[in-house]
N, C-alpha and C. Protein backbone atom coordinates (compact mmCIF):
# COMPACT_ATOMS: atom_id res chain seq x y z
N MET A 1 0.30 24.33 8.72
CA MET A 1 0.21 23.72 7.42
C MET A 1 -1.25 23.73 6.95
N ARG A 2 -1.47 24.13 5.73
CA ARG A 2 -2.81 24.20 5.19
C ARG A 2 -3.32 22.81 4.82
N ALA A 3 -4.53 22.49 5.21
CA ALA A 3 -5.10 21.19 4.89
C ALA A 3 -5.41 21.10 3.40
N ARG A 4 -5.21 19.94 2.84
CA ARG A 4 -5.48 19.72 1.42
C ARG A 4 -6.88 19.15 1.25
N ARG A 5 -7.37 19.24 0.03
CA ARG A 5 -8.67 18.69 -0.28
C ARG A 5 -8.57 17.18 -0.48
N LEU A 6 -9.71 16.54 -0.38
CA LEU A 6 -9.78 15.12 -0.66
C LEU A 6 -9.50 14.88 -2.13
N ILE A 7 -8.96 13.73 -2.44
CA ILE A 7 -8.63 13.39 -3.82
C ILE A 7 -9.69 12.43 -4.35
N PRO A 8 -10.41 12.81 -5.41
CA PRO A 8 -11.34 11.85 -5.99
C PRO A 8 -10.54 10.66 -6.52
N ALA A 9 -11.01 9.47 -6.25
CA ALA A 9 -10.29 8.26 -6.64
C ALA A 9 -10.01 8.23 -8.14
N ARG A 10 -10.87 8.81 -8.95
CA ARG A 10 -10.69 8.78 -10.40
C ARG A 10 -9.48 9.57 -10.87
N LEU A 11 -8.93 10.46 -10.03
CA LEU A 11 -7.78 11.27 -10.43
C LEU A 11 -6.44 10.59 -10.18
N LEU A 12 -6.43 9.51 -9.40
CA LEU A 12 -5.19 8.78 -9.15
C LEU A 12 -5.05 7.68 -10.18
N ASP A 13 -3.84 7.46 -10.64
CA ASP A 13 -3.60 6.43 -11.64
C ASP A 13 -3.69 5.06 -10.97
N PRO A 14 -4.68 4.24 -11.33
CA PRO A 14 -4.84 2.94 -10.66
C PRO A 14 -3.69 1.98 -10.91
N PHE A 15 -2.89 2.24 -11.94
CA PHE A 15 -1.75 1.36 -12.21
C PHE A 15 -0.57 1.65 -11.30
N GLU A 16 -0.62 2.74 -10.55
CA GLU A 16 0.44 3.08 -9.61
C GLU A 16 0.04 2.78 -8.17
N LEU A 17 -1.17 2.29 -7.97
CA LEU A 17 -1.68 2.07 -6.62
C LEU A 17 -1.92 0.59 -6.34
N ASP A 18 -1.77 0.22 -5.09
CA ASP A 18 -2.08 -1.13 -4.63
C ASP A 18 -3.19 -1.01 -3.59
N ARG A 19 -4.26 -1.77 -3.77
CA ARG A 19 -5.40 -1.70 -2.86
C ARG A 19 -5.43 -2.93 -1.96
N PHE A 20 -5.58 -2.69 -0.66
CA PHE A 20 -5.70 -3.77 0.32
C PHE A 20 -7.05 -3.62 1.00
N ALA A 21 -7.91 -4.60 0.80
CA ALA A 21 -9.26 -4.56 1.38
C ALA A 21 -9.20 -4.67 2.89
N GLY A 22 -10.24 -4.19 3.53
CA GLY A 22 -10.33 -4.25 4.98
C GLY A 22 -10.23 -5.66 5.52
N ARG A 23 -10.77 -6.64 4.79
CA ARG A 23 -10.71 -8.03 5.28
C ARG A 23 -9.27 -8.55 5.29
N SER A 24 -8.39 -7.96 4.49
CA SER A 24 -6.98 -8.36 4.48
C SER A 24 -6.17 -7.64 5.55
N THR A 25 -6.49 -6.38 5.79
CA THR A 25 -5.71 -5.56 6.72
C THR A 25 -6.26 -5.54 8.14
N GLY A 26 -7.51 -5.95 8.29
CA GLY A 26 -8.14 -5.88 9.60
C GLY A 26 -8.69 -4.50 9.91
N LEU A 27 -8.80 -3.65 8.90
CA LEU A 27 -9.30 -2.28 9.08
C LEU A 27 -10.76 -2.19 8.64
N SER A 28 -11.41 -1.10 9.00
CA SER A 28 -12.80 -0.86 8.59
C SER A 28 -12.89 -0.27 7.20
N CYS A 29 -11.76 0.08 6.63
CA CYS A 29 -11.75 0.67 5.29
C CYS A 29 -10.62 0.05 4.48
N ALA A 30 -10.71 0.18 3.18
CA ALA A 30 -9.62 -0.28 2.33
C ALA A 30 -8.47 0.73 2.40
N VAL A 31 -7.26 0.24 2.20
CA VAL A 31 -6.07 1.08 2.22
C VAL A 31 -5.38 0.97 0.86
N TRP A 32 -4.97 2.10 0.34
CA TRP A 32 -4.24 2.14 -0.92
C TRP A 32 -2.80 2.58 -0.63
N THR A 33 -1.85 1.96 -1.28
CA THR A 33 -0.45 2.35 -1.14
C THR A 33 0.11 2.63 -2.52
N ARG A 34 1.25 3.28 -2.53
CA ARG A 34 1.94 3.53 -3.80
C ARG A 34 3.39 3.81 -3.51
N ALA A 35 4.21 3.47 -4.46
CA ALA A 35 5.62 3.83 -4.38
C ALA A 35 5.74 5.29 -4.81
N ALA A 36 6.81 5.93 -4.45
CA ALA A 36 6.96 7.37 -4.69
C ALA A 36 7.42 7.67 -6.11
N VAL A 37 6.77 7.09 -7.07
CA VAL A 37 7.09 7.36 -8.47
C VAL A 37 6.62 8.78 -8.79
N ARG A 38 7.53 9.63 -9.21
CA ARG A 38 7.23 11.03 -9.54
C ARG A 38 6.56 11.76 -8.38
N HIS A 39 6.93 11.44 -7.17
CA HIS A 39 6.27 12.02 -6.00
C HIS A 39 7.30 12.66 -5.09
N ARG A 40 7.10 13.90 -4.73
CA ARG A 40 7.99 14.58 -3.80
C ARG A 40 7.33 14.86 -2.46
N ARG A 41 6.07 14.52 -2.36
CA ARG A 41 5.34 14.78 -1.12
C ARG A 41 5.75 13.82 -0.04
N CYS A 42 5.25 14.08 1.16
CA CYS A 42 5.59 13.21 2.28
C CYS A 42 4.98 11.82 2.05
N PRO A 43 5.62 10.78 2.58
CA PRO A 43 5.10 9.42 2.41
C PRO A 43 3.70 9.29 2.98
N ARG A 44 2.85 8.57 2.26
CA ARG A 44 1.45 8.48 2.66
C ARG A 44 0.82 7.20 2.16
N ILE A 45 -0.30 6.87 2.77
CA ILE A 45 -1.22 5.86 2.27
C ILE A 45 -2.54 6.58 2.08
N TRP A 46 -3.50 5.92 1.47
CA TRP A 46 -4.82 6.52 1.30
C TRP A 46 -5.85 5.60 1.90
N ALA A 47 -6.79 6.16 2.66
CA ALA A 47 -7.91 5.42 3.22
C ALA A 47 -9.11 5.65 2.31
N GLU A 48 -9.76 4.58 1.92
CA GLU A 48 -10.91 4.66 1.03
C GLU A 48 -12.16 4.94 1.84
N CYS A 49 -12.72 6.12 1.63
CA CYS A 49 -13.95 6.53 2.32
C CYS A 49 -15.00 6.80 1.26
N GLY A 50 -15.76 5.78 0.91
CA GLY A 50 -16.72 5.92 -0.17
C GLY A 50 -15.99 6.12 -1.49
N PRO A 51 -16.41 7.10 -2.29
CA PRO A 51 -15.76 7.31 -3.58
C PRO A 51 -14.47 8.14 -3.49
N ARG A 52 -14.08 8.53 -2.30
CA ARG A 52 -12.90 9.38 -2.12
C ARG A 52 -11.79 8.64 -1.41
N LEU A 53 -10.57 9.09 -1.67
CA LEU A 53 -9.41 8.57 -0.97
C LEU A 53 -8.85 9.68 -0.09
N VAL A 54 -8.71 9.41 1.19
CA VAL A 54 -8.19 10.39 2.13
C VAL A 54 -6.72 10.07 2.38
N PRO A 55 -5.81 11.00 2.02
CA PRO A 55 -4.39 10.73 2.27
C PRO A 55 -4.09 10.78 3.77
N VAL A 56 -3.28 9.83 4.22
CA VAL A 56 -2.91 9.72 5.64
C VAL A 56 -1.39 9.59 5.70
N SER A 57 -0.75 10.39 6.55
CA SER A 57 0.71 10.36 6.65
C SER A 57 1.19 9.03 7.22
N ILE A 58 2.35 8.58 6.75
CA ILE A 58 2.98 7.38 7.30
C ILE A 58 3.90 7.76 8.45
N ARG A 59 4.54 8.90 8.34
CA ARG A 59 5.43 9.37 9.42
C ARG A 59 4.60 9.92 10.57
N GLU A 60 5.21 9.97 11.75
CA GLU A 60 4.52 10.54 12.92
C GLU A 60 4.39 12.04 12.75
N PRO A 61 3.30 12.62 13.16
CA PRO A 61 2.11 11.95 13.66
C PRO A 61 1.28 11.38 12.50
N VAL A 62 0.76 10.19 12.68
CA VAL A 62 -0.12 9.59 11.67
C VAL A 62 -1.43 10.37 11.73
N ARG A 63 -1.72 11.08 10.64
CA ARG A 63 -2.90 11.95 10.63
C ARG A 63 -3.37 12.13 9.20
N PRO A 64 -4.65 12.50 9.03
CA PRO A 64 -5.14 12.78 7.68
C PRO A 64 -4.43 14.00 7.11
N LEU A 65 -4.13 13.97 5.84
CA LEU A 65 -3.51 15.11 5.17
C LEU A 65 -4.54 15.87 4.35
N ALA A 66 -5.79 15.74 4.71
CA ALA A 66 -6.88 16.42 4.01
C ALA A 66 -7.83 17.02 5.04
N ARG A 67 -8.69 17.90 4.58
CA ARG A 67 -9.62 18.59 5.47
C ARG A 67 -10.64 17.66 6.11
N ALA A 68 -11.16 16.76 5.34
CA ALA A 68 -12.25 15.91 5.84
C ALA A 68 -11.76 14.94 6.89
N ALA A 69 -12.60 14.72 7.86
CA ALA A 69 -12.26 13.76 8.91
C ALA A 69 -12.62 12.36 8.45
N LEU A 70 -11.87 11.42 8.94
CA LEU A 70 -12.19 10.02 8.68
C LEU A 70 -13.35 9.62 9.58
N PRO A 71 -14.13 8.62 9.18
CA PRO A 71 -15.20 8.14 10.07
C PRO A 71 -14.63 7.72 11.43
N GLU A 72 -15.46 7.84 12.45
CA GLU A 72 -15.02 7.54 13.81
C GLU A 72 -14.40 6.15 13.91
N GLY A 73 -13.29 6.05 14.56
CA GLY A 73 -12.61 4.78 14.75
C GLY A 73 -11.60 4.44 13.66
N HIS A 74 -11.80 4.96 12.46
CA HIS A 74 -10.89 4.64 11.35
C HIS A 74 -9.48 5.16 11.59
N LEU A 75 -9.37 6.38 12.10
CA LEU A 75 -8.04 6.96 12.28
C LEU A 75 -7.21 6.16 13.28
N GLU A 76 -7.81 5.74 14.37
CA GLU A 76 -7.07 4.95 15.36
C GLU A 76 -6.64 3.61 14.79
N GLU A 77 -7.51 2.97 14.02
CA GLU A 77 -7.15 1.72 13.34
C GLU A 77 -5.98 1.95 12.38
N LEU A 78 -6.07 3.03 11.60
CA LEU A 78 -5.00 3.34 10.64
C LEU A 78 -3.68 3.61 11.36
N ARG A 79 -3.75 4.28 12.50
CA ARG A 79 -2.53 4.53 13.28
C ARG A 79 -1.87 3.22 13.70
N ARG A 80 -2.67 2.28 14.19
CA ARG A 80 -2.12 0.97 14.58
C ARG A 80 -1.51 0.26 13.38
N PHE A 81 -2.21 0.26 12.26
CA PHE A 81 -1.73 -0.38 11.04
C PHE A 81 -0.41 0.23 10.57
N VAL A 82 -0.36 1.56 10.54
CA VAL A 82 0.86 2.24 10.09
C VAL A 82 2.01 1.99 11.06
N ARG A 83 1.77 2.05 12.34
CA ARG A 83 2.85 1.83 13.31
C ARG A 83 3.43 0.43 13.19
N ARG A 84 2.59 -0.56 12.95
CA ARG A 84 3.08 -1.94 12.78
C ARG A 84 3.86 -2.12 11.48
N ASN A 85 3.54 -1.32 10.47
CA ASN A 85 4.11 -1.51 9.14
C ASN A 85 4.95 -0.33 8.65
N ARG A 86 5.25 0.63 9.51
CA ARG A 86 5.90 1.86 9.08
C ARG A 86 7.20 1.63 8.30
N VAL A 87 8.09 0.82 8.84
CA VAL A 87 9.39 0.60 8.17
C VAL A 87 9.16 0.03 6.77
N LEU A 88 8.27 -0.92 6.65
CA LEU A 88 7.97 -1.53 5.36
C LEU A 88 7.31 -0.54 4.41
N LEU A 89 6.34 0.23 4.88
CA LEU A 89 5.66 1.22 4.03
C LEU A 89 6.64 2.29 3.54
N LEU A 90 7.54 2.73 4.41
CA LEU A 90 8.54 3.72 4.00
C LEU A 90 9.52 3.13 2.99
N ALA A 91 9.88 1.85 3.17
CA ALA A 91 10.78 1.18 2.21
C ALA A 91 10.09 1.06 0.86
N TYR A 92 8.80 0.75 0.86
CA TYR A 92 8.04 0.66 -0.39
C TYR A 92 7.95 2.03 -1.06
N TRP A 93 7.68 3.05 -0.28
CA TRP A 93 7.60 4.41 -0.79
C TRP A 93 8.93 4.81 -1.44
N ALA A 94 10.05 4.39 -0.84
CA ALA A 94 11.38 4.75 -1.33
C ALA A 94 11.88 3.77 -2.41
N LEU A 95 11.03 2.86 -2.86
CA LEU A 95 11.35 1.89 -3.91
C LEU A 95 12.44 0.90 -3.50
N ARG A 96 12.56 0.62 -2.21
CA ARG A 96 13.54 -0.37 -1.74
C ARG A 96 12.96 -1.77 -1.66
N VAL A 97 11.63 -1.88 -1.67
CA VAL A 97 10.97 -3.18 -1.76
C VAL A 97 9.92 -3.10 -2.86
N ASP A 98 9.61 -4.25 -3.46
CA ASP A 98 8.60 -4.24 -4.52
C ASP A 98 7.24 -4.68 -3.96
N THR A 99 6.25 -4.72 -4.82
CA THR A 99 4.89 -5.02 -4.39
C THR A 99 4.77 -6.42 -3.81
N VAL A 100 5.45 -7.40 -4.40
CA VAL A 100 5.39 -8.77 -3.88
C VAL A 100 5.97 -8.82 -2.47
N GLN A 101 7.09 -8.16 -2.25
CA GLN A 101 7.68 -8.12 -0.90
C GLN A 101 6.74 -7.42 0.07
N LEU A 102 6.10 -6.36 -0.38
CA LEU A 102 5.15 -5.63 0.46
C LEU A 102 4.01 -6.54 0.90
N VAL A 103 3.40 -7.24 -0.06
CA VAL A 103 2.27 -8.11 0.24
C VAL A 103 2.67 -9.22 1.22
N ARG A 104 3.83 -9.79 1.01
CA ARG A 104 4.29 -10.88 1.88
C ARG A 104 4.60 -10.43 3.30
N ALA A 105 5.03 -9.19 3.47
CA ALA A 105 5.50 -8.74 4.79
C ALA A 105 4.49 -7.92 5.59
N LEU A 106 3.44 -7.38 4.95
CA LEU A 106 2.48 -6.55 5.68
C LEU A 106 1.81 -7.33 6.81
N ARG A 107 1.56 -6.63 7.90
CA ARG A 107 0.86 -7.19 9.05
C ARG A 107 -0.49 -6.50 9.17
N ARG A 108 -1.47 -7.22 9.66
CA ARG A 108 -2.78 -6.64 9.91
C ARG A 108 -2.69 -5.66 11.07
N ALA A 109 -3.72 -4.87 11.29
CA ALA A 109 -3.74 -3.89 12.38
C ALA A 109 -3.53 -4.54 13.74
N ASP A 110 -3.96 -5.80 13.89
CA ASP A 110 -3.80 -6.48 15.17
C ASP A 110 -2.44 -7.18 15.31
N GLY A 111 -1.61 -7.08 14.28
CA GLY A 111 -0.25 -7.65 14.34
C GLY A 111 -0.10 -9.01 13.71
N THR A 112 -1.20 -9.64 13.33
CA THR A 112 -1.09 -10.95 12.68
C THR A 112 -0.72 -10.77 11.21
N PRO A 113 -0.08 -11.77 10.61
CA PRO A 113 0.27 -11.65 9.18
C PRO A 113 -1.01 -11.55 8.34
N MET A 114 -0.93 -10.81 7.24
CA MET A 114 -2.07 -10.75 6.34
C MET A 114 -2.30 -12.13 5.76
N ALA A 115 -3.56 -12.41 5.48
CA ALA A 115 -3.90 -13.73 4.90
C ALA A 115 -3.18 -13.90 3.57
N ARG A 116 -2.74 -15.11 3.31
CA ARG A 116 -2.09 -15.38 2.02
C ARG A 116 -3.13 -15.31 0.91
N LEU A 117 -2.69 -14.83 -0.22
CA LEU A 117 -3.58 -14.74 -1.36
C LEU A 117 -3.85 -16.13 -1.92
N ARG A 118 -5.08 -16.42 -2.23
CA ARG A 118 -5.44 -17.71 -2.82
C ARG A 118 -5.48 -17.58 -4.33
N ARG A 119 -5.19 -18.67 -4.98
CA ARG A 119 -5.23 -18.68 -6.46
C ARG A 119 -6.62 -18.81 -6.96
């Protein structure tokens, strides 16, 4: 399979994406998710690496879907995060759960529930 290029964040529609900061997920980078609206590609999340978003597969093997490598340690963290949340992420991708359900059910990379959002 041919590696794809990185996607500049400005090319993705921000109204279709949900951003989870590293302090919420327990990761070293922010993670972006999206439902599969008008999408036929394999289910994925995006890891925020500076101004770029690196697509990462949700299905096994959890791996970058772009040429550039993630910073050291990020990929292993993302693998743990995806494995803990795979069923939920796939349900969100398939539009079986909404964003509120996603936020309430996501687990951090270490398995603890994500912190509740404060008003």
